[in-house]
Amino acid sequence: MTIELDYLGKAPRKKGINSKVKGNKNELTLAKALSSYTGLEFVRVPQSGGLRWENAATVIGDLIVTNADAVFPFAVETKHLKTLALQKSGLLRTKSKIYGLFEQAARDGLRADKIPSLWVRGNGMPAGTWWVFIPTPIYFKLKDVLINYVGVLQYGEGIIGINSKELFAAPWEQVVTLLT
C-alpha cells in the first residue's frame, strides 16, 4: 500500500523512463546492431556526442568506429523519441523534430567529411529497428542494393528515411563500394 492509495484514494502515477537512460540504451543497442552488420566495432562517443575536440574529426556524432583505419562512410546521430510525428500518409508532419535533428547530423557529417545519418526510434517500434534518415542523393546511390523494401519515408529538403531492416538487408561490402 502507498500513501497516495491509503489517504488520497488514488494510485500513484507510473514513473516514466528516464530519457537519458533511454537514450544511452538506444545508443548501445545501435552500436551492437551496426557492429553486427558491418563487422566493425562501434562505441558511444564520450558525453553522448557532446565531446568536441578541436582537430578530431573522427570523434563526431553519437557512435564511432574504434578502428581509425576502418571505412565507415556515415556520421551517426541517434535519438529515441516518444513519437515520430508521422501523418497517415507516412510523411513527417511539418513540425516533426526530425528536421532539427537532421540538421545536427548534417553539421556533424560536414565536420567529419562523412555522410550524415540520423537513426531514430519511436516508442513502440519493434526492437532493433530505426528509421534511418539520409540525404536523398545517397538513397539513390543505394537504391539498387536495398533488396527488401520494407519502407521509405520521404520529406522535403532532400532527405529520405529508410527502415533499418532495409539497410541491414543490403550487403555491407556493396554499400561501402557505392558510397566510397
N, C-alpha and C. Protein backbone atom coordinates (compact mmCIF):
# COMPACT_ATOMS: atom_id res chain seq x y z
N MET A 1 0.84 -1.18 0.00
CA MET A 1 0.00 0.00 0.00
C MET A 1 0.89 1.25 0.00
N THR A 2 0.37 2.28 -0.62
CA THR A 2 1.11 3.53 -0.66
C THR A 2 0.32 4.63 0.03
N ILE A 3 0.98 5.71 0.32
CA ILE A 3 0.31 6.86 0.96
C ILE A 3 -0.78 7.39 0.05
N GLU A 4 -0.50 7.50 -1.26
CA GLU A 4 -1.49 8.02 -2.19
C GLU A 4 -2.76 7.18 -2.17
N LEU A 5 -2.60 5.87 -2.16
CA LEU A 5 -3.75 4.98 -2.17
C LEU A 5 -4.45 4.97 -0.81
N ASP A 6 -3.68 4.92 0.26
CA ASP A 6 -4.24 4.86 1.61
C ASP A 6 -5.01 6.14 1.97
N TYR A 7 -4.42 7.30 1.75
CA TYR A 7 -5.00 8.54 2.25
C TYR A 7 -5.74 9.36 1.20
N LEU A 8 -5.34 9.24 -0.07
CA LEU A 8 -5.97 10.05 -1.10
C LEU A 8 -6.91 9.24 -1.99
N GLY A 9 -6.88 7.92 -1.86
CA GLY A 9 -7.78 7.08 -2.64
C GLY A 9 -7.42 6.95 -4.10
N LYS A 10 -6.18 7.28 -4.45
CA LYS A 10 -5.78 7.13 -5.86
C LYS A 10 -4.41 6.45 -5.94
N ALA A 11 -4.24 5.72 -7.01
CA ALA A 11 -2.98 5.01 -7.22
C ALA A 11 -1.91 6.00 -7.67
N PRO A 12 -0.66 5.78 -7.28
CA PRO A 12 0.41 6.68 -7.72
C PRO A 12 0.62 6.57 -9.23
N ARG A 13 1.07 7.66 -9.79
CA ARG A 13 1.37 7.69 -11.22
C ARG A 13 2.58 6.83 -11.51
N LYS A 14 2.52 6.12 -12.63
CA LYS A 14 3.66 5.31 -13.05
C LYS A 14 4.82 6.24 -13.40
N LYS A 15 6.01 5.85 -12.98
CA LYS A 15 7.18 6.64 -13.33
C LYS A 15 7.56 6.36 -14.78
N GLY A 16 7.88 7.42 -15.50
CA GLY A 16 8.32 7.27 -16.87
C GLY A 16 9.78 6.84 -16.91
N ILE A 17 10.21 6.41 -18.05
CA ILE A 17 11.61 6.01 -18.22
C ILE A 17 12.45 7.27 -18.32
N ASN A 18 13.54 7.32 -17.59
CA ASN A 18 14.45 8.44 -17.64
C ASN A 18 14.96 8.59 -19.08
N SER A 19 14.84 9.79 -19.65
CA SER A 19 15.19 9.98 -21.06
C SER A 19 16.68 9.76 -21.31
N LYS A 20 17.53 10.09 -20.34
CA LYS A 20 18.96 9.85 -20.51
C LYS A 20 19.25 8.35 -20.58
N VAL A 21 18.60 7.58 -19.70
CA VAL A 21 18.76 6.13 -19.70
C VAL A 21 18.26 5.56 -21.03
N LYS A 22 17.11 6.05 -21.48
CA LYS A 22 16.54 5.59 -22.74
C LYS A 22 17.47 5.90 -23.91
N GLY A 23 18.05 7.10 -23.91
CA GLY A 23 18.98 7.48 -24.98
C GLY A 23 20.25 6.65 -24.96
N ASN A 24 20.80 6.42 -23.76
CA ASN A 24 22.01 5.59 -23.64
C ASN A 24 21.75 4.17 -24.14
N LYS A 25 20.61 3.62 -23.74
CA LYS A 25 20.27 2.26 -24.17
C LYS A 25 20.12 2.21 -25.70
N ASN A 26 19.51 3.24 -26.28
CA ASN A 26 19.35 3.31 -27.73
C ASN A 26 20.71 3.34 -28.42
N GLU A 27 21.63 4.14 -27.90
CA GLU A 27 22.97 4.22 -28.49
C GLU A 27 23.70 2.88 -28.41
N LEU A 28 23.63 2.23 -27.25
CA LEU A 28 24.30 0.93 -27.09
C LEU A 28 23.69 -0.14 -27.99
N THR A 29 22.37 -0.13 -28.12
CA THR A 29 21.69 -1.10 -28.98
C THR A 29 22.08 -0.87 -30.44
N LEU A 30 22.13 0.39 -30.86
CA LEU A 30 22.52 0.70 -32.24
C LEU A 30 23.98 0.34 -32.47
N ALA A 31 24.84 0.59 -31.50
CA ALA A 31 26.26 0.22 -31.65
C ALA A 31 26.40 -1.28 -31.90
N LYS A 32 25.65 -2.08 -31.15
CA LYS A 32 25.69 -3.53 -31.35
C LYS A 32 25.14 -3.92 -32.72
N ALA A 33 24.06 -3.29 -33.12
CA ALA A 33 23.45 -3.60 -34.43
C ALA A 33 24.40 -3.24 -35.57
N LEU A 34 25.03 -2.07 -35.49
CA LEU A 34 25.97 -1.67 -36.54
C LEU A 34 27.21 -2.56 -36.54
N SER A 35 27.68 -2.95 -35.36
CA SER A 35 28.83 -3.86 -35.28
C SER A 35 28.50 -5.19 -35.93
N SER A 36 27.31 -5.70 -35.64
CA SER A 36 26.88 -6.97 -36.22
C SER A 36 26.76 -6.87 -37.74
N TYR A 37 26.22 -5.76 -38.23
CA TYR A 37 26.00 -5.58 -39.66
C TYR A 37 27.31 -5.37 -40.43
N THR A 38 28.20 -4.53 -39.89
CA THR A 38 29.40 -4.15 -40.63
C THR A 38 30.63 -4.99 -40.32
N GLY A 39 30.64 -5.65 -39.16
CA GLY A 39 31.83 -6.36 -38.71
C GLY A 39 32.85 -5.42 -38.07
N LEU A 40 32.51 -4.16 -37.90
CA LEU A 40 33.38 -3.18 -37.25
C LEU A 40 32.93 -3.00 -35.80
N GLU A 41 33.83 -2.55 -34.95
CA GLU A 41 33.46 -2.30 -33.55
C GLU A 41 33.05 -0.83 -33.39
N PHE A 42 31.86 -0.62 -32.84
CA PHE A 42 31.35 0.73 -32.59
C PHE A 42 31.27 0.98 -31.09
N VAL A 43 31.52 2.23 -30.70
CA VAL A 43 31.39 2.65 -29.31
C VAL A 43 30.68 3.99 -29.27
N ARG A 44 30.12 4.28 -28.10
CA ARG A 44 29.49 5.58 -27.89
C ARG A 44 30.58 6.63 -27.76
N VAL A 45 30.33 7.80 -28.30
CA VAL A 45 31.25 8.92 -28.14
C VAL A 45 31.11 9.42 -26.71
N PRO A 46 32.22 9.71 -26.03
CA PRO A 46 32.11 10.23 -24.67
C PRO A 46 31.19 11.45 -24.63
N GLN A 47 30.45 11.58 -23.56
CA GLN A 47 29.49 12.66 -23.35
C GLN A 47 28.36 12.61 -24.38
N SER A 48 28.05 11.42 -24.88
CA SER A 48 26.93 11.19 -25.80
C SER A 48 26.94 12.13 -26.99
N GLY A 49 28.08 12.22 -27.66
CA GLY A 49 28.17 13.04 -28.85
C GLY A 49 28.45 14.50 -28.55
N GLY A 50 28.51 14.88 -27.28
CA GLY A 50 28.74 16.27 -26.92
C GLY A 50 30.21 16.64 -26.85
N LEU A 51 31.08 15.66 -26.97
CA LEU A 51 32.51 15.92 -26.90
C LEU A 51 32.98 16.57 -28.20
N ARG A 52 33.71 17.64 -28.11
CA ARG A 52 34.24 18.33 -29.29
C ARG A 52 35.72 18.58 -29.09
N TRP A 53 36.55 17.84 -29.82
CA TRP A 53 37.98 18.08 -29.81
C TRP A 53 38.29 18.90 -31.04
N GLU A 54 39.12 19.89 -30.88
CA GLU A 54 39.37 20.86 -31.93
C GLU A 54 39.73 20.24 -33.28
N ASN A 55 40.66 19.33 -33.31
CA ASN A 55 41.11 18.77 -34.59
C ASN A 55 40.82 17.28 -34.72
N ALA A 56 39.80 16.79 -34.05
CA ALA A 56 39.50 15.36 -34.10
C ALA A 56 38.18 15.13 -34.82
N ALA A 57 38.25 15.07 -36.14
CA ALA A 57 37.05 14.85 -36.94
C ALA A 57 36.52 13.43 -36.81
N THR A 58 37.31 12.54 -36.18
CA THR A 58 36.85 11.16 -36.01
C THR A 58 35.92 11.03 -34.81
N VAL A 59 35.89 12.01 -33.93
CA VAL A 59 35.05 11.96 -32.73
C VAL A 59 33.84 12.85 -32.97
N ILE A 60 32.93 12.36 -33.82
CA ILE A 60 31.78 13.14 -34.26
C ILE A 60 30.53 12.28 -34.11
N GLY A 61 29.44 12.89 -33.68
CA GLY A 61 28.17 12.19 -33.60
C GLY A 61 28.04 11.41 -32.31
N ASP A 62 27.17 10.41 -32.33
CA ASP A 62 26.90 9.61 -31.13
C ASP A 62 27.69 8.31 -31.09
N LEU A 63 28.03 7.76 -32.25
CA LEU A 63 28.75 6.49 -32.31
C LEU A 63 29.92 6.62 -33.27
N ILE A 64 31.02 5.96 -32.92
CA ILE A 64 32.18 5.95 -33.81
C ILE A 64 32.74 4.54 -33.91
N VAL A 65 33.51 4.32 -34.95
CA VAL A 65 34.21 3.05 -35.14
C VAL A 65 35.51 3.13 -34.35
N THR A 66 35.86 2.06 -33.64
CA THR A 66 37.07 2.09 -32.81
C THR A 66 38.35 2.05 -33.64
N ASN A 67 38.31 1.46 -34.81
CA ASN A 67 39.48 1.36 -35.68
C ASN A 67 39.50 2.59 -36.60
N ALA A 68 40.44 3.49 -36.37
CA ALA A 68 40.52 4.73 -37.15
C ALA A 68 40.77 4.47 -38.63
N ASP A 69 41.31 3.31 -38.99
CA ASP A 69 41.60 2.99 -40.39
C ASP A 69 40.42 2.33 -41.10
N ALA A 70 39.38 1.96 -40.36
CA ALA A 70 38.22 1.29 -40.96
C ALA A 70 37.42 2.27 -41.80
N VAL A 71 36.82 1.74 -42.85
CA VAL A 71 36.00 2.57 -43.73
C VAL A 71 34.54 2.46 -43.29
N PHE A 72 34.03 3.54 -42.75
CA PHE A 72 32.62 3.67 -42.40
C PHE A 72 32.20 5.06 -42.84
N PRO A 73 31.39 5.15 -43.91
CA PRO A 73 31.14 6.45 -44.55
C PRO A 73 30.15 7.37 -43.84
N PHE A 74 29.53 6.92 -42.76
CA PHE A 74 28.47 7.71 -42.12
C PHE A 74 28.91 8.36 -40.81
N ALA A 75 28.41 9.56 -40.57
CA ALA A 75 28.42 10.16 -39.24
C ALA A 75 27.08 9.78 -38.63
N VAL A 76 27.09 9.19 -37.44
CA VAL A 76 25.88 8.62 -36.85
C VAL A 76 25.37 9.48 -35.69
N GLU A 77 24.16 9.95 -35.85
CA GLU A 77 23.42 10.63 -34.78
C GLU A 77 22.21 9.74 -34.52
N THR A 78 21.90 9.46 -33.26
CA THR A 78 20.75 8.61 -32.96
C THR A 78 19.90 9.20 -31.86
N LYS A 79 18.61 9.02 -31.98
CA LYS A 79 17.65 9.52 -31.00
C LYS A 79 16.55 8.49 -30.79
N HIS A 80 16.00 8.49 -29.58
CA HIS A 80 14.82 7.68 -29.28
C HIS A 80 13.74 8.67 -28.85
N LEU A 81 12.73 8.83 -29.69
CA LEU A 81 11.68 9.80 -29.45
C LEU A 81 10.38 9.12 -29.01
N LYS A 82 9.57 9.88 -28.33
CA LYS A 82 8.26 9.36 -27.93
C LYS A 82 7.44 9.06 -29.18
N THR A 83 7.45 9.97 -30.13
CA THR A 83 6.71 9.78 -31.38
C THR A 83 7.51 10.37 -32.54
N LEU A 84 7.32 9.82 -33.72
CA LEU A 84 7.99 10.35 -34.91
C LEU A 84 7.17 11.42 -35.60
N ALA A 85 5.96 11.65 -35.15
CA ALA A 85 5.06 12.66 -35.74
C ALA A 85 4.83 12.38 -37.23
N LEU A 86 4.38 11.17 -37.52
CA LEU A 86 4.07 10.79 -38.90
C LEU A 86 2.60 11.09 -39.22
N GLN A 87 2.36 11.47 -40.45
CA GLN A 87 0.99 11.61 -40.92
C GLN A 87 0.52 10.23 -41.38
N LYS A 88 -0.77 10.09 -41.65
CA LYS A 88 -1.30 8.80 -42.12
C LYS A 88 -0.63 8.37 -43.43
N SER A 89 -0.19 9.34 -44.22
CA SER A 89 0.46 9.04 -45.50
C SER A 89 1.87 8.48 -45.31
N GLY A 90 2.40 8.54 -44.07
CA GLY A 90 3.76 8.10 -43.83
C GLY A 90 4.76 9.24 -43.88
N LEU A 91 4.31 10.41 -44.32
CA LEU A 91 5.20 11.56 -44.36
C LEU A 91 5.32 12.17 -42.97
N LEU A 92 6.41 12.85 -42.73
CA LEU A 92 6.60 13.53 -41.46
C LEU A 92 5.73 14.78 -41.40
N ARG A 93 5.23 15.07 -40.23
CA ARG A 93 4.47 16.30 -40.04
C ARG A 93 5.41 17.48 -40.14
N THR A 94 4.86 18.63 -40.50
CA THR A 94 5.70 19.80 -40.70
C THR A 94 6.43 20.23 -39.43
N LYS A 95 5.91 19.89 -38.26
CA LYS A 95 6.54 20.28 -37.01
C LYS A 95 7.34 19.13 -36.38
N SER A 96 7.67 18.12 -37.16
CA SER A 96 8.42 16.98 -36.64
C SER A 96 9.80 17.41 -36.17
N LYS A 97 10.26 16.82 -35.07
CA LYS A 97 11.60 17.09 -34.55
C LYS A 97 12.69 16.59 -35.49
N ILE A 98 12.33 15.72 -36.40
CA ILE A 98 13.31 15.12 -37.31
C ILE A 98 14.07 16.19 -38.08
N TYR A 99 13.39 17.25 -38.48
CA TYR A 99 14.03 18.31 -39.26
C TYR A 99 15.23 18.91 -38.52
N GLY A 100 15.03 19.32 -37.29
CA GLY A 100 16.12 19.90 -36.50
C GLY A 100 17.20 18.90 -36.17
N LEU A 101 16.79 17.66 -35.88
CA LEU A 101 17.77 16.63 -35.55
C LEU A 101 18.66 16.31 -36.75
N PHE A 102 18.06 16.30 -37.95
CA PHE A 102 18.88 16.00 -39.12
C PHE A 102 19.87 17.14 -39.39
N GLU A 103 19.50 18.36 -39.07
CA GLU A 103 20.44 19.47 -39.23
C GLU A 103 21.69 19.24 -38.38
N GLN A 104 21.51 18.73 -37.16
CA GLN A 104 22.64 18.40 -36.30
C GLN A 104 23.49 17.31 -36.95
N ALA A 105 22.84 16.27 -37.48
CA ALA A 105 23.56 15.19 -38.16
C ALA A 105 24.32 15.73 -39.37
N ALA A 106 23.71 16.66 -40.10
CA ALA A 106 24.35 17.24 -41.28
C ALA A 106 25.59 18.05 -40.90
N ARG A 107 25.50 18.81 -39.82
CA ARG A 107 26.67 19.57 -39.34
C ARG A 107 27.81 18.61 -38.95
N ASP A 108 27.47 17.55 -38.23
CA ASP A 108 28.48 16.57 -37.85
C ASP A 108 29.09 15.90 -39.08
N GLY A 109 28.25 15.56 -40.04
CA GLY A 109 28.75 14.94 -41.26
C GLY A 109 29.70 15.85 -42.01
N LEU A 110 29.38 17.12 -42.06
CA LEU A 110 30.23 18.09 -42.74
C LEU A 110 31.58 18.21 -42.03
N ARG A 111 31.56 18.29 -40.71
CA ARG A 111 32.81 18.40 -39.94
C ARG A 111 33.69 17.17 -40.10
N ALA A 112 33.08 16.00 -40.22
CA ALA A 112 33.84 14.75 -40.31
C ALA A 112 34.08 14.31 -41.75
N ASP A 113 33.56 15.06 -42.71
CA ASP A 113 33.63 14.67 -44.12
C ASP A 113 33.03 13.28 -44.32
N LYS A 114 31.86 13.09 -43.71
CA LYS A 114 31.12 11.83 -43.80
C LYS A 114 29.67 12.14 -44.19
N ILE A 115 28.96 11.10 -44.56
CA ILE A 115 27.55 11.22 -44.92
C ILE A 115 26.74 11.32 -43.63
N PRO A 116 25.91 12.35 -43.50
CA PRO A 116 25.09 12.44 -42.29
C PRO A 116 24.03 11.35 -42.27
N SER A 117 23.84 10.76 -41.10
CA SER A 117 22.76 9.78 -40.94
C SER A 117 22.15 9.98 -39.56
N LEU A 118 20.83 10.01 -39.54
CA LEU A 118 20.08 10.16 -38.30
C LEU A 118 19.27 8.88 -38.10
N TRP A 119 19.54 8.17 -37.02
CA TRP A 119 18.90 6.90 -36.70
C TRP A 119 17.89 7.17 -35.59
N VAL A 120 16.61 7.04 -35.89
CA VAL A 120 15.57 7.41 -34.94
C VAL A 120 14.66 6.23 -34.63
N ARG A 121 14.46 6.00 -33.33
CA ARG A 121 13.48 5.02 -32.85
C ARG A 121 12.32 5.80 -32.25
N GLY A 122 11.15 5.30 -32.46
CA GLY A 122 9.97 5.83 -31.79
C GLY A 122 9.47 4.80 -30.80
N ASN A 123 8.82 5.25 -29.74
CA ASN A 123 8.24 4.32 -28.78
C ASN A 123 7.33 3.35 -29.53
N GLY A 124 7.42 2.09 -29.18
CA GLY A 124 6.56 1.08 -29.79
C GLY A 124 7.11 0.45 -31.06
N MET A 125 8.23 0.94 -31.57
CA MET A 125 8.83 0.32 -32.75
C MET A 125 9.39 -1.05 -32.36
N PRO A 126 9.40 -2.00 -33.30
CA PRO A 126 9.98 -3.31 -32.99
C PRO A 126 11.44 -3.17 -32.53
N ALA A 127 11.84 -4.03 -31.62
CA ALA A 127 13.21 -4.00 -31.10
C ALA A 127 14.21 -4.10 -32.25
N GLY A 128 15.28 -3.32 -32.14
CA GLY A 128 16.36 -3.39 -33.12
C GLY A 128 16.04 -2.75 -34.46
N THR A 129 15.04 -1.86 -34.48
CA THR A 129 14.74 -1.15 -35.74
C THR A 129 14.76 0.35 -35.50
N TRP A 130 15.16 1.05 -36.53
CA TRP A 130 15.24 2.51 -36.53
C TRP A 130 14.78 3.01 -37.89
N TRP A 131 14.36 4.25 -37.95
CA TRP A 131 14.24 4.95 -39.23
C TRP A 131 15.58 5.63 -39.44
N VAL A 132 16.19 5.41 -40.59
CA VAL A 132 17.50 5.96 -40.91
C VAL A 132 17.30 7.07 -41.94
N PHE A 133 17.54 8.31 -41.52
CA PHE A 133 17.38 9.45 -42.42
C PHE A 133 18.73 9.80 -43.02
N ILE A 134 18.76 9.84 -44.36
CA ILE A 134 19.98 10.14 -45.11
C ILE A 134 19.62 11.12 -46.23
N PRO A 135 20.62 11.80 -46.79
CA PRO A 135 20.34 12.68 -47.93
C PRO A 135 19.80 11.89 -49.12
N THR A 136 18.85 12.47 -49.82
CA THR A 136 18.21 11.81 -50.96
C THR A 136 19.21 11.28 -51.99
N PRO A 137 20.26 12.05 -52.38
CA PRO A 137 21.22 11.50 -53.35
C PRO A 137 21.89 10.22 -52.88
N ILE A 138 22.11 10.07 -51.58
CA ILE A 138 22.72 8.85 -51.03
C ILE A 138 21.75 7.69 -51.17
N TYR A 139 20.48 7.96 -50.91
CA TYR A 139 19.46 6.91 -51.08
C TYR A 139 19.47 6.39 -52.52
N PHE A 140 19.55 7.29 -53.48
CA PHE A 140 19.53 6.85 -54.88
C PHE A 140 20.79 6.08 -55.27
N LYS A 141 21.91 6.34 -54.60
CA LYS A 141 23.11 5.53 -54.83
C LYS A 141 22.91 4.11 -54.30
N LEU A 142 22.17 4.00 -53.19
CA LEU A 142 21.97 2.71 -52.53
C LEU A 142 20.76 1.92 -53.03
N LYS A 143 19.88 2.59 -53.72
CA LYS A 143 18.57 2.02 -54.06
C LYS A 143 18.64 0.61 -54.65
N ASP A 144 19.62 0.36 -55.50
CA ASP A 144 19.69 -0.95 -56.16
C ASP A 144 20.12 -2.09 -55.24
N VAL A 145 20.74 -1.78 -54.10
CA VAL A 145 21.14 -2.84 -53.17
C VAL A 145 20.16 -2.97 -52.00
N LEU A 146 19.18 -2.11 -51.96
CA LEU A 146 18.15 -2.20 -50.92
C LEU A 146 17.12 -3.20 -51.40
N ILE A 147 17.26 -4.43 -50.97
CA ILE A 147 16.56 -5.57 -51.54
C ILE A 147 15.10 -5.70 -51.10
N ASN A 148 14.85 -5.63 -49.82
CA ASN A 148 13.53 -6.00 -49.30
C ASN A 148 12.47 -4.92 -49.39
N TYR A 149 12.88 -3.68 -49.44
CA TYR A 149 11.97 -2.53 -49.48
C TYR A 149 10.85 -2.63 -48.44
N VAL A 150 11.20 -2.49 -47.18
CA VAL A 150 10.20 -2.51 -46.11
C VAL A 150 9.64 -1.14 -45.80
N GLY A 151 10.21 -0.12 -46.30
CA GLY A 151 9.62 1.18 -46.03
C GLY A 151 10.55 2.33 -46.32
N VAL A 152 9.97 3.37 -46.88
CA VAL A 152 10.70 4.60 -47.15
C VAL A 152 9.82 5.77 -46.74
N LEU A 153 10.38 6.68 -45.99
CA LEU A 153 9.71 7.94 -45.65
C LEU A 153 10.41 9.03 -46.44
N GLN A 154 9.66 9.86 -47.10
CA GLN A 154 10.29 10.93 -47.85
C GLN A 154 9.74 12.25 -47.37
N TYR A 155 10.62 13.21 -47.24
CA TYR A 155 10.14 14.55 -46.94
C TYR A 155 11.06 15.56 -47.58
N GLY A 156 10.64 16.81 -47.56
CA GLY A 156 11.35 17.87 -48.25
C GLY A 156 12.79 18.04 -47.81
N GLU A 157 13.44 19.00 -48.41
CA GLU A 157 14.82 19.34 -48.09
C GLU A 157 15.80 18.23 -48.46
N GLY A 158 15.41 17.32 -49.34
CA GLY A 158 16.35 16.33 -49.85
C GLY A 158 16.76 15.23 -48.88
N ILE A 159 15.84 14.83 -48.00
CA ILE A 159 16.15 13.78 -47.04
C ILE A 159 15.13 12.66 -47.18
N ILE A 160 15.61 11.42 -47.10
CA ILE A 160 14.73 10.26 -47.15
C ILE A 160 15.02 9.39 -45.93
N GLY A 161 13.98 8.82 -45.35
CA GLY A 161 14.13 7.87 -44.25
C GLY A 161 13.85 6.47 -44.74
N ILE A 162 14.74 5.54 -44.41
CA ILE A 162 14.53 4.14 -44.75
C ILE A 162 14.52 3.33 -43.47
N ASN A 163 13.79 2.24 -43.47
CA ASN A 163 13.76 1.37 -42.31
C ASN A 163 15.11 0.67 -42.20
N SER A 164 15.64 0.57 -40.99
CA SER A 164 16.95 -0.06 -40.80
C SER A 164 16.98 -1.51 -41.27
N LYS A 165 15.83 -2.19 -41.23
CA LYS A 165 15.78 -3.57 -41.74
C LYS A 165 16.17 -3.59 -43.21
N GLU A 166 15.74 -2.56 -43.92
CA GLU A 166 16.06 -2.42 -45.34
C GLU A 166 17.57 -2.27 -45.54
N LEU A 167 18.17 -1.39 -44.77
CA LEU A 167 19.61 -1.18 -44.90
C LEU A 167 20.39 -2.42 -44.48
N PHE A 168 20.01 -3.04 -43.35
CA PHE A 168 20.73 -4.20 -42.85
C PHE A 168 20.58 -5.42 -43.77
N ALA A 169 19.61 -5.41 -44.67
CA ALA A 169 19.46 -6.50 -45.63
C ALA A 169 20.41 -6.34 -46.82
N ALA A 170 20.94 -5.13 -47.00
CA ALA A 170 21.86 -4.87 -48.12
C ALA A 170 23.27 -5.35 -47.73
N PRO A 171 23.98 -6.01 -48.65
CA PRO A 171 25.35 -6.45 -48.34
C PRO A 171 26.25 -5.25 -48.01
N TRP A 172 26.88 -5.28 -46.84
CA TRP A 172 27.69 -4.16 -46.38
C TRP A 172 28.80 -3.81 -47.37
N GLU A 173 29.45 -4.80 -47.94
CA GLU A 173 30.54 -4.54 -48.88
C GLU A 173 30.04 -3.73 -50.07
N GLN A 174 28.85 -4.03 -50.55
CA GLN A 174 28.28 -3.26 -51.68
C GLN A 174 27.94 -1.83 -51.26
N VAL A 175 27.43 -1.67 -50.07
CA VAL A 175 27.11 -0.34 -49.57
C VAL A 175 28.38 0.51 -49.53
N VAL A 176 29.44 -0.04 -48.97
CA VAL A 176 30.72 0.70 -48.87
C VAL A 176 31.23 1.04 -50.27
N THR A 177 31.18 0.08 -51.18
CA THR A 177 31.65 0.32 -52.55
C THR A 177 30.88 1.44 -53.21
N LEU A 178 29.57 1.47 -53.02
CA LEU A 178 28.74 2.51 -53.65
C LEU A 178 28.98 3.90 -53.05
N LEU A 179 29.38 3.95 -51.79
CA LEU A 179 29.48 5.23 -51.11
C LEU A 179 30.89 5.77 -50.94
N THR A 180 31.90 5.00 -51.34
CA THR A 180 33.28 5.50 -51.20
C THR A 180 33.96 5.62 -52.53
